mmCIF file of all heavy atoms, coordinates in Angstrom:
data_MODEL
# 
_entry.id   MODEL 
# 
loop_
_atom_site.group_PDB 
_atom_site.id 
_atom_site.type_symbol 
_atom_site.label_atom_id 
_atom_site.label_alt_id 
_atom_site.label_comp_id 
_atom_site.label_asym_id 
_atom_site.label_entity_id 
_atom_site.label_seq_id 
_atom_site.pdbx_PDB_ins_code 
_atom_site.Cartn_x 
_atom_site.Cartn_y 
_atom_site.Cartn_z 
_atom_site.occupancy 
_atom_site.B_iso_or_equiv 
_atom_site.pdbx_formal_charge 
_atom_site.auth_seq_id 
_atom_site.auth_comp_id 
_atom_site.auth_asym_id 
_atom_site.auth_atom_id 
_atom_site.pdbx_PDB_model_num 
ATOM 1   N N   . ALA A 1 1  ? 98.451  126.000 -144.892 1.00 0.00 ? 1  ALA A N   1 
ATOM 2   C CA  . ALA A 1 1  ? 97.780  125.152 -145.889 1.00 0.00 ? 1  ALA A CA  1 
ATOM 3   C C   . ALA A 1 1  ? 96.277  125.668 -146.194 1.00 0.00 ? 1  ALA A C   1 
ATOM 4   O O   . ALA A 1 1  ? 95.917  125.826 -147.362 1.00 0.00 ? 1  ALA A O   1 
ATOM 5   C CB  . ALA A 1 1  ? 97.735  123.716 -145.494 1.00 0.00 ? 1  ALA A CB  1 
ATOM 6   N N   . HIS A 1 2  ? 95.618  125.998 -145.124 1.00 0.00 ? 2  HIS A N   1 
ATOM 7   C CA  . HIS A 1 2  ? 94.195  126.453 -145.325 1.00 0.00 ? 2  HIS A CA  1 
ATOM 8   C C   . HIS A 1 2  ? 94.154  127.789 -146.074 1.00 0.00 ? 2  HIS A C   1 
ATOM 9   O O   . HIS A 1 2  ? 93.320  127.989 -146.875 1.00 0.00 ? 2  HIS A O   1 
ATOM 10  C CB  . HIS A 1 2  ? 93.497  126.560 -143.964 1.00 0.00 ? 2  HIS A CB  1 
ATOM 11  C CG  . HIS A 1 2  ? 93.212  125.168 -143.361 1.00 0.00 ? 2  HIS A CG  1 
ATOM 12  N ND1 . HIS A 1 2  ? 92.796  125.006 -142.062 1.00 0.00 ? 2  HIS A ND1 1 
ATOM 13  C CD2 . HIS A 1 2  ? 93.265  123.880 -143.931 1.00 0.00 ? 2  HIS A CD2 1 
ATOM 14  C CE1 . HIS A 1 2  ? 92.628  123.663 -141.846 1.00 0.00 ? 2  HIS A CE1 1 
ATOM 15  N NE2 . HIS A 1 2  ? 92.917  123.016 -142.949 1.00 0.00 ? 2  HIS A NE2 1 
ATOM 16  N N   . GLU A 1 3  ? 95.089  128.698 -145.704 1.00 0.00 ? 3  GLU A N   1 
ATOM 17  C CA  . GLU A 1 3  ? 95.171  129.987 -146.316 1.00 0.00 ? 3  GLU A CA  1 
ATOM 18  C C   . GLU A 1 3  ? 95.462  129.895 -147.838 1.00 0.00 ? 3  GLU A C   1 
ATOM 19  O O   . GLU A 1 3  ? 94.992  130.685 -148.614 1.00 0.00 ? 3  GLU A O   1 
ATOM 20  C CB  . GLU A 1 3  ? 96.121  130.837 -145.608 1.00 0.00 ? 3  GLU A CB  1 
ATOM 21  C CG  . GLU A 1 3  ? 95.773  131.241 -144.216 1.00 0.00 ? 3  GLU A CG  1 
ATOM 22  C CD  . GLU A 1 3  ? 96.814  132.040 -143.528 1.00 0.00 ? 3  GLU A CD  1 
ATOM 23  O OE1 . GLU A 1 3  ? 98.053  132.087 -144.049 1.00 0.00 ? 3  GLU A OE1 1 
ATOM 24  O OE2 . GLU A 1 3  ? 96.617  132.451 -142.379 1.00 0.00 ? 3  GLU A OE2 1 
ATOM 25  N N   . MET A 1 4  ? 96.270  128.861 -148.183 1.00 0.00 ? 4  MET A N   1 
ATOM 26  C CA  . MET A 1 4  ? 96.726  128.696 -149.561 1.00 0.00 ? 4  MET A CA  1 
ATOM 27  C C   . MET A 1 4  ? 95.888  127.764 -150.409 1.00 0.00 ? 4  MET A C   1 
ATOM 28  O O   . MET A 1 4  ? 96.124  127.570 -151.643 1.00 0.00 ? 4  MET A O   1 
ATOM 29  C CB  . MET A 1 4  ? 98.190  128.224 -149.655 1.00 0.00 ? 4  MET A CB  1 
ATOM 30  C CG  . MET A 1 4  ? 99.199  129.264 -149.189 1.00 0.00 ? 4  MET A CG  1 
ATOM 31  S SD  . MET A 1 4  ? 100.896 128.757 -149.591 1.00 0.00 ? 4  MET A SD  1 
ATOM 32  C CE  . MET A 1 4  ? 100.778 128.833 -151.382 1.00 0.00 ? 4  MET A CE  1 
ATOM 33  N N   . GLY A 1 5  ? 94.856  127.052 -149.784 1.00 0.00 ? 5  GLY A N   1 
ATOM 34  C CA  . GLY A 1 5  ? 94.128  126.090 -150.492 1.00 0.00 ? 5  GLY A CA  1 
ATOM 35  C C   . GLY A 1 5  ? 94.885  124.789 -150.823 1.00 0.00 ? 5  GLY A C   1 
ATOM 36  O O   . GLY A 1 5  ? 94.810  124.328 -151.965 1.00 0.00 ? 5  GLY A O   1 
ATOM 37  N N   . VAL A 1 6  ? 95.660  124.375 -149.762 1.00 0.00 ? 6  VAL A N   1 
ATOM 38  C CA  . VAL A 1 6  ? 96.538  123.134 -149.981 1.00 0.00 ? 6  VAL A CA  1 
ATOM 39  C C   . VAL A 1 6  ? 95.875  121.965 -149.249 1.00 0.00 ? 6  VAL A C   1 
ATOM 40  O O   . VAL A 1 6  ? 95.610  122.069 -148.049 1.00 0.00 ? 6  VAL A O   1 
ATOM 41  C CB  . VAL A 1 6  ? 97.885  123.464 -149.442 1.00 0.00 ? 6  VAL A CB  1 
ATOM 42  C CG1 . VAL A 1 6  ? 98.725  122.154 -149.312 1.00 0.00 ? 6  VAL A CG1 1 
ATOM 43  C CG2 . VAL A 1 6  ? 98.685  124.463 -150.210 1.00 0.00 ? 6  VAL A CG2 1 
ATOM 44  N N   . PRO A 1 7  ? 95.597  120.939 -149.955 1.00 0.00 ? 7  PRO A N   1 
ATOM 45  C CA  . PRO A 1 7  ? 95.079  119.715 -149.242 1.00 0.00 ? 7  PRO A CA  1 
ATOM 46  C C   . PRO A 1 7  ? 96.248  119.110 -148.442 1.00 0.00 ? 7  PRO A C   1 
ATOM 47  O O   . PRO A 1 7  ? 97.277  118.784 -148.914 1.00 0.00 ? 7  PRO A O   1 
ATOM 48  C CB  . PRO A 1 7  ? 94.786  118.738 -150.430 1.00 0.00 ? 7  PRO A CB  1 
ATOM 49  C CG  . PRO A 1 7  ? 94.782  119.549 -151.663 1.00 0.00 ? 7  PRO A CG  1 
ATOM 50  C CD  . PRO A 1 7  ? 95.765  120.711 -151.394 1.00 0.00 ? 7  PRO A CD  1 
ATOM 51  N N   . ILE A 1 8  ? 96.078  119.074 -147.088 1.00 0.00 ? 8  ILE A N   1 
ATOM 52  C CA  . ILE A 1 8  ? 97.106  118.763 -146.150 1.00 0.00 ? 8  ILE A CA  1 
ATOM 53  C C   . ILE A 1 8  ? 96.766  117.517 -145.314 1.00 0.00 ? 8  ILE A C   1 
ATOM 54  O O   . ILE A 1 8  ? 95.659  117.417 -144.854 1.00 0.00 ? 8  ILE A O   1 
ATOM 55  C CB  . ILE A 1 8  ? 97.588  119.867 -145.301 1.00 0.00 ? 8  ILE A CB  1 
ATOM 56  C CG1 . ILE A 1 8  ? 98.842  119.606 -144.554 1.00 0.00 ? 8  ILE A CG1 1 
ATOM 57  C CG2 . ILE A 1 8  ? 96.484  120.377 -144.346 1.00 0.00 ? 8  ILE A CG2 1 
ATOM 58  C CD1 . ILE A 1 8  ? 99.504  120.835 -143.968 1.00 0.00 ? 8  ILE A CD1 1 
ATOM 59  N N   . THR A 1 9  ? 97.735  116.585 -145.088 1.00 0.00 ? 9  THR A N   1 
ATOM 60  C CA  . THR A 1 9  ? 97.475  115.337 -144.331 1.00 0.00 ? 9  THR A CA  1 
ATOM 61  C C   . THR A 1 9  ? 98.634  115.195 -143.384 1.00 0.00 ? 9  THR A C   1 
ATOM 62  O O   . THR A 1 9  ? 99.840  115.266 -143.792 1.00 0.00 ? 9  THR A O   1 
ATOM 63  C CB  . THR A 1 9  ? 97.362  114.144 -145.217 1.00 0.00 ? 9  THR A CB  1 
ATOM 64  O OG1 . THR A 1 9  ? 96.375  114.341 -146.178 1.00 0.00 ? 9  THR A OG1 1 
ATOM 65  C CG2 . THR A 1 9  ? 96.995  112.911 -144.324 1.00 0.00 ? 9  THR A CG2 1 
ATOM 66  N N   . GLY A 1 10 ? 98.314  115.069 -142.143 1.00 0.00 ? 10 GLY A N   1 
ATOM 67  C CA  . GLY A 1 10 ? 99.494  114.913 -141.154 1.00 0.00 ? 10 GLY A CA  1 
ATOM 68  C C   . GLY A 1 10 ? 99.685  113.361 -140.770 1.00 0.00 ? 10 GLY A C   1 
ATOM 69  O O   . GLY A 1 10 ? 98.715  112.557 -140.769 1.00 0.00 ? 10 GLY A O   1 
ATOM 70  N N   . LEU A 1 11 ? 100.929 113.097 -140.398 1.00 0.00 ? 11 LEU A N   1 
ATOM 71  C CA  . LEU A 1 11 ? 101.268 111.749 -139.916 1.00 0.00 ? 11 LEU A CA  1 
ATOM 72  C C   . LEU A 1 11 ? 101.571 111.914 -138.415 1.00 0.00 ? 11 LEU A C   1 
ATOM 73  O O   . LEU A 1 11 ? 102.582 112.538 -138.104 1.00 0.00 ? 11 LEU A O   1 
ATOM 74  C CB  . LEU A 1 11 ? 102.484 111.199 -140.668 1.00 0.00 ? 11 LEU A CB  1 
ATOM 75  C CG  . LEU A 1 11 ? 103.000 109.898 -140.083 1.00 0.00 ? 11 LEU A CG  1 
ATOM 76  C CD1 . LEU A 1 11 ? 102.143 108.697 -140.602 1.00 0.00 ? 11 LEU A CD1 1 
ATOM 77  C CD2 . LEU A 1 11 ? 104.510 109.671 -140.392 1.00 0.00 ? 11 LEU A CD2 1 
ATOM 78  N N   . HIS A 1 12 ? 100.682 111.416 -137.584 1.00 0.00 ? 12 HIS A N   1 
ATOM 79  C CA  . HIS A 1 12 ? 100.872 111.525 -136.086 1.00 0.00 ? 12 HIS A CA  1 
ATOM 80  C C   . HIS A 1 12 ? 101.642 110.395 -135.580 1.00 0.00 ? 12 HIS A C   1 
ATOM 81  O O   . HIS A 1 12 ? 101.636 109.295 -136.232 1.00 0.00 ? 12 HIS A O   1 
ATOM 82  C CB  . HIS A 1 12 ? 99.441  111.560 -135.450 1.00 0.00 ? 12 HIS A CB  1 
ATOM 83  C CG  . HIS A 1 12 ? 99.433  111.869 -134.024 1.00 0.00 ? 12 HIS A CG  1 
ATOM 84  N ND1 . HIS A 1 12 ? 99.525  110.969 -133.111 1.00 0.00 ? 12 HIS A ND1 1 
ATOM 85  C CD2 . HIS A 1 12 ? 99.373  113.091 -133.388 1.00 0.00 ? 12 HIS A CD2 1 
ATOM 86  C CE1 . HIS A 1 12 ? 99.551  111.525 -131.835 1.00 0.00 ? 12 HIS A CE1 1 
ATOM 87  N NE2 . HIS A 1 12 ? 99.428  112.782 -132.089 1.00 0.00 ? 12 HIS A NE2 1 
ATOM 88  N N   . PRO A 1 13 ? 102.393 110.525 -134.465 1.00 0.00 ? 13 PRO A N   1 
ATOM 89  C CA  . PRO A 1 13 ? 103.130 109.357 -133.900 1.00 0.00 ? 13 PRO A CA  1 
ATOM 90  C C   . PRO A 1 13 ? 102.275 108.158 -133.669 1.00 0.00 ? 13 PRO A C   1 
ATOM 91  O O   . PRO A 1 13 ? 102.741 107.016 -133.738 1.00 0.00 ? 13 PRO A O   1 
ATOM 92  C CB  . PRO A 1 13 ? 103.658 110.007 -132.675 1.00 0.00 ? 13 PRO A CB  1 
ATOM 93  C CG  . PRO A 1 13 ? 103.897 111.426 -132.889 1.00 0.00 ? 13 PRO A CG  1 
ATOM 94  C CD  . PRO A 1 13 ? 102.684 111.814 -133.787 1.00 0.00 ? 13 PRO A CD  1 
ATOM 95  N N   . GLY A 1 14 ? 101.011 108.354 -133.431 1.00 0.00 ? 14 GLY A N   1 
ATOM 96  C CA  . GLY A 1 14 ? 100.118 107.209 -133.296 1.00 0.00 ? 14 GLY A CA  1 
ATOM 97  C C   . GLY A 1 14 ? 99.777  106.463 -134.593 1.00 0.00 ? 14 GLY A C   1 
ATOM 98  O O   . GLY A 1 14 ? 99.101  105.415 -134.513 1.00 0.00 ? 14 GLY A O   1 
ATOM 99  N N   . ASP A 1 15 ? 100.219 107.085 -135.669 1.00 0.00 ? 15 ASP A N   1 
ATOM 100 C CA  . ASP A 1 15 ? 99.861  106.428 -136.991 1.00 0.00 ? 15 ASP A CA  1 
ATOM 101 C C   . ASP A 1 15 ? 100.848 105.278 -137.390 1.00 0.00 ? 15 ASP A C   1 
ATOM 102 O O   . ASP A 1 15 ? 100.691 104.682 -138.455 1.00 0.00 ? 15 ASP A O   1 
ATOM 103 C CB  . ASP A 1 15 ? 99.786  107.472 -138.097 1.00 0.00 ? 15 ASP A CB  1 
ATOM 104 C CG  . ASP A 1 15 ? 98.622  108.367 -137.923 1.00 0.00 ? 15 ASP A CG  1 
ATOM 105 O OD1 . ASP A 1 15 ? 97.673  107.956 -137.342 1.00 0.00 ? 15 ASP A OD1 1 
ATOM 106 O OD2 . ASP A 1 15 ? 98.814  109.558 -138.323 1.00 0.00 ? 15 ASP A OD2 1 
ATOM 107 N N   . TYR A 1 16 ? 101.902 105.060 -136.570 1.00 0.00 ? 16 TYR A N   1 
ATOM 108 C CA  . TYR A 1 16 ? 102.794 104.024 -136.808 1.00 0.00 ? 16 TYR A CA  1 
ATOM 109 C C   . TYR A 1 16 ? 103.188 103.355 -135.537 1.00 0.00 ? 16 TYR A C   1 
ATOM 110 O O   . TYR A 1 16 ? 103.291 103.974 -134.499 1.00 0.00 ? 16 TYR A O   1 
ATOM 111 C CB  . TYR A 1 16 ? 104.018 104.452 -137.672 1.00 0.00 ? 16 TYR A CB  1 
ATOM 112 C CG  . TYR A 1 16 ? 104.731 105.684 -137.083 1.00 0.00 ? 16 TYR A CG  1 
ATOM 113 C CD1 . TYR A 1 16 ? 105.680 105.525 -136.121 1.00 0.00 ? 16 TYR A CD1 1 
ATOM 114 C CD2 . TYR A 1 16 ? 104.339 106.954 -137.424 1.00 0.00 ? 16 TYR A CD2 1 
ATOM 115 C CE1 . TYR A 1 16 ? 106.366 106.674 -135.543 1.00 0.00 ? 16 TYR A CE1 1 
ATOM 116 C CE2 . TYR A 1 16 ? 104.876 108.118 -136.932 1.00 0.00 ? 16 TYR A CE2 1 
ATOM 117 C CZ  . TYR A 1 16 ? 105.918 107.926 -135.952 1.00 0.00 ? 16 TYR A CZ  1 
ATOM 118 O OH  . TYR A 1 16 ? 106.501 109.028 -135.449 1.00 0.00 ? 16 TYR A OH  1 
ATOM 119 N N   . GLU A 1 17 ? 103.505 101.992 -135.608 1.00 0.00 ? 17 GLU A N   1 
ATOM 120 C CA  . GLU A 1 17 ? 103.838 101.299 -134.389 1.00 0.00 ? 17 GLU A CA  1 
ATOM 121 C C   . GLU A 1 17 ? 104.903 100.217 -134.773 1.00 0.00 ? 17 GLU A C   1 
ATOM 122 O O   . GLU A 1 17 ? 104.722 99.459  -135.683 1.00 0.00 ? 17 GLU A O   1 
ATOM 123 C CB  . GLU A 1 17 ? 102.504 100.530 -133.912 1.00 0.00 ? 17 GLU A CB  1 
ATOM 124 C CG  . GLU A 1 17 ? 102.797 99.622  -132.707 1.00 0.00 ? 17 GLU A CG  1 
ATOM 125 C CD  . GLU A 1 17 ? 101.558 98.746  -132.477 1.00 0.00 ? 17 GLU A CD  1 
ATOM 126 O OE1 . GLU A 1 17 ? 100.562 98.709  -133.292 1.00 0.00 ? 17 GLU A OE1 1 
ATOM 127 O OE2 . GLU A 1 17 ? 101.613 97.974  -131.500 1.00 0.00 ? 17 GLU A OE2 1 
ATOM 128 N N   . ILE A 1 18 ? 105.943 100.206 -133.992 1.00 0.00 ? 18 ILE A N   1 
ATOM 129 C CA  . ILE A 1 18 ? 106.984 99.125  -134.160 1.00 0.00 ? 18 ILE A CA  1 
ATOM 130 C C   . ILE A 1 18 ? 106.492 97.807  -133.625 1.00 0.00 ? 18 ILE A C   1 
ATOM 131 O O   . ILE A 1 18 ? 106.061 97.750  -132.465 1.00 0.00 ? 18 ILE A O   1 
ATOM 132 C CB  . ILE A 1 18 ? 108.291 99.589  -133.477 1.00 0.00 ? 18 ILE A CB  1 
ATOM 133 C CG1 . ILE A 1 18 ? 108.889 100.825 -134.130 1.00 0.00 ? 18 ILE A CG1 1 
ATOM 134 C CG2 . ILE A 1 18 ? 109.282 98.454  -133.479 1.00 0.00 ? 18 ILE A CG2 1 
ATOM 135 C CD1 . ILE A 1 18 ? 110.122 101.335 -133.531 1.00 0.00 ? 18 ILE A CD1 1 
ATOM 136 N N   . LEU A 1 19 ? 106.482 96.786  -134.414 1.00 0.00 ? 19 LEU A N   1 
ATOM 137 C CA  . LEU A 1 19 ? 106.113 95.507  -133.988 1.00 0.00 ? 19 LEU A CA  1 
ATOM 138 C C   . LEU A 1 19 ? 107.250 94.645  -133.535 1.00 0.00 ? 19 LEU A C   1 
ATOM 139 O O   . LEU A 1 19 ? 107.154 93.937  -132.522 1.00 0.00 ? 19 LEU A O   1 
ATOM 140 C CB  . LEU A 1 19 ? 105.465 94.737  -135.252 1.00 0.00 ? 19 LEU A CB  1 
ATOM 141 C CG  . LEU A 1 19 ? 104.268 95.407  -135.831 1.00 0.00 ? 19 LEU A CG  1 
ATOM 142 C CD1 . LEU A 1 19 ? 103.819 94.635  -137.179 1.00 0.00 ? 19 LEU A CD1 1 
ATOM 143 C CD2 . LEU A 1 19 ? 103.103 95.501  -134.893 1.00 0.00 ? 19 LEU A CD2 1 
ATOM 144 N N   . SER A 1 20 ? 108.401 94.737  -134.105 1.00 0.00 ? 20 SER A N   1 
ATOM 145 C CA  . SER A 1 20 ? 109.637 94.004  -133.692 1.00 0.00 ? 20 SER A CA  1 
ATOM 146 C C   . SER A 1 20 ? 110.859 94.710  -134.218 1.00 0.00 ? 20 SER A C   1 
ATOM 147 O O   . SER A 1 20 ? 110.791 95.419  -135.278 1.00 0.00 ? 20 SER A O   1 
ATOM 148 C CB  . SER A 1 20 ? 109.597 92.572  -134.063 1.00 0.00 ? 20 SER A CB  1 
ATOM 149 O OG  . SER A 1 20 ? 109.605 92.474  -135.519 1.00 0.00 ? 20 SER A OG  1 
ATOM 150 N N   . GLN A 1 21 ? 111.947 94.563  -133.470 1.00 0.00 ? 21 GLN A N   1 
ATOM 151 C CA  . GLN A 1 21 ? 113.222 95.185  -133.941 1.00 0.00 ? 21 GLN A CA  1 
ATOM 152 C C   . GLN A 1 21 ? 114.365 94.322  -133.481 1.00 0.00 ? 21 GLN A C   1 
ATOM 153 O O   . GLN A 1 21 ? 114.442 93.825  -132.341 1.00 0.00 ? 21 GLN A O   1 
ATOM 154 C CB  . GLN A 1 21 ? 113.278 96.588  -133.206 1.00 0.00 ? 21 GLN A CB  1 
ATOM 155 C CG  . GLN A 1 21 ? 114.554 97.395  -133.495 1.00 0.00 ? 21 GLN A CG  1 
ATOM 156 C CD  . GLN A 1 21 ? 114.603 98.660  -132.910 1.00 0.00 ? 21 GLN A CD  1 
ATOM 157 O OE1 . GLN A 1 21 ? 113.684 99.126  -132.185 1.00 0.00 ? 21 GLN A OE1 1 
ATOM 158 N NE2 . GLN A 1 21 ? 115.620 99.425  -133.122 1.00 0.00 ? 21 GLN A NE2 1 
ATOM 159 N N   . GLY A 1 22 ? 115.324 94.159  -134.308 1.00 0.00 ? 22 GLY A N   1 
ATOM 160 C CA  . GLY A 1 22 ? 116.532 93.409  -134.054 1.00 0.00 ? 22 GLY A CA  1 
ATOM 161 C C   . GLY A 1 22 ? 117.323 93.091  -135.221 1.00 0.00 ? 22 GLY A C   1 
ATOM 162 O O   . GLY A 1 22 ? 116.798 92.973  -136.333 1.00 0.00 ? 22 GLY A O   1 
ATOM 163 N N   . ASP A 1 23 ? 118.632 92.964  -135.048 1.00 0.00 ? 23 ASP A N   1 
ATOM 164 C CA  . ASP A 1 23 ? 119.532 92.562  -136.094 1.00 0.00 ? 23 ASP A CA  1 
ATOM 165 C C   . ASP A 1 23 ? 119.455 93.476  -137.302 1.00 0.00 ? 23 ASP A C   1 
ATOM 166 O O   . ASP A 1 23 ? 119.521 93.072  -138.479 1.00 0.00 ? 23 ASP A O   1 
ATOM 167 C CB  . ASP A 1 23 ? 119.368 91.114  -136.519 1.00 0.00 ? 23 ASP A CB  1 
ATOM 168 C CG  . ASP A 1 23 ? 119.663 90.154  -135.359 1.00 0.00 ? 23 ASP A CG  1 
ATOM 169 O OD1 . ASP A 1 23 ? 120.600 90.396  -134.642 1.00 0.00 ? 23 ASP A OD1 1 
ATOM 170 O OD2 . ASP A 1 23 ? 118.917 89.097  -135.254 1.00 0.00 ? 23 ASP A OD2 1 
ATOM 171 N N   . GLY A 1 24 ? 119.316 94.808  -137.072 1.00 0.00 ? 24 GLY A N   1 
ATOM 172 C CA  . GLY A 1 24 ? 119.291 95.701  -138.159 1.00 0.00 ? 24 GLY A CA  1 
ATOM 173 C C   . GLY A 1 24 ? 118.022 95.736  -138.985 1.00 0.00 ? 24 GLY A C   1 
ATOM 174 O O   . GLY A 1 24 ? 118.049 96.236  -140.139 1.00 0.00 ? 24 GLY A O   1 
# 
């Protein structure tokens, strides 16, 4: 991205958090 001049943004595993899960 840096070589091509591309604005790049990463999504790290710490950027999302499961609050609750159940019944699909």
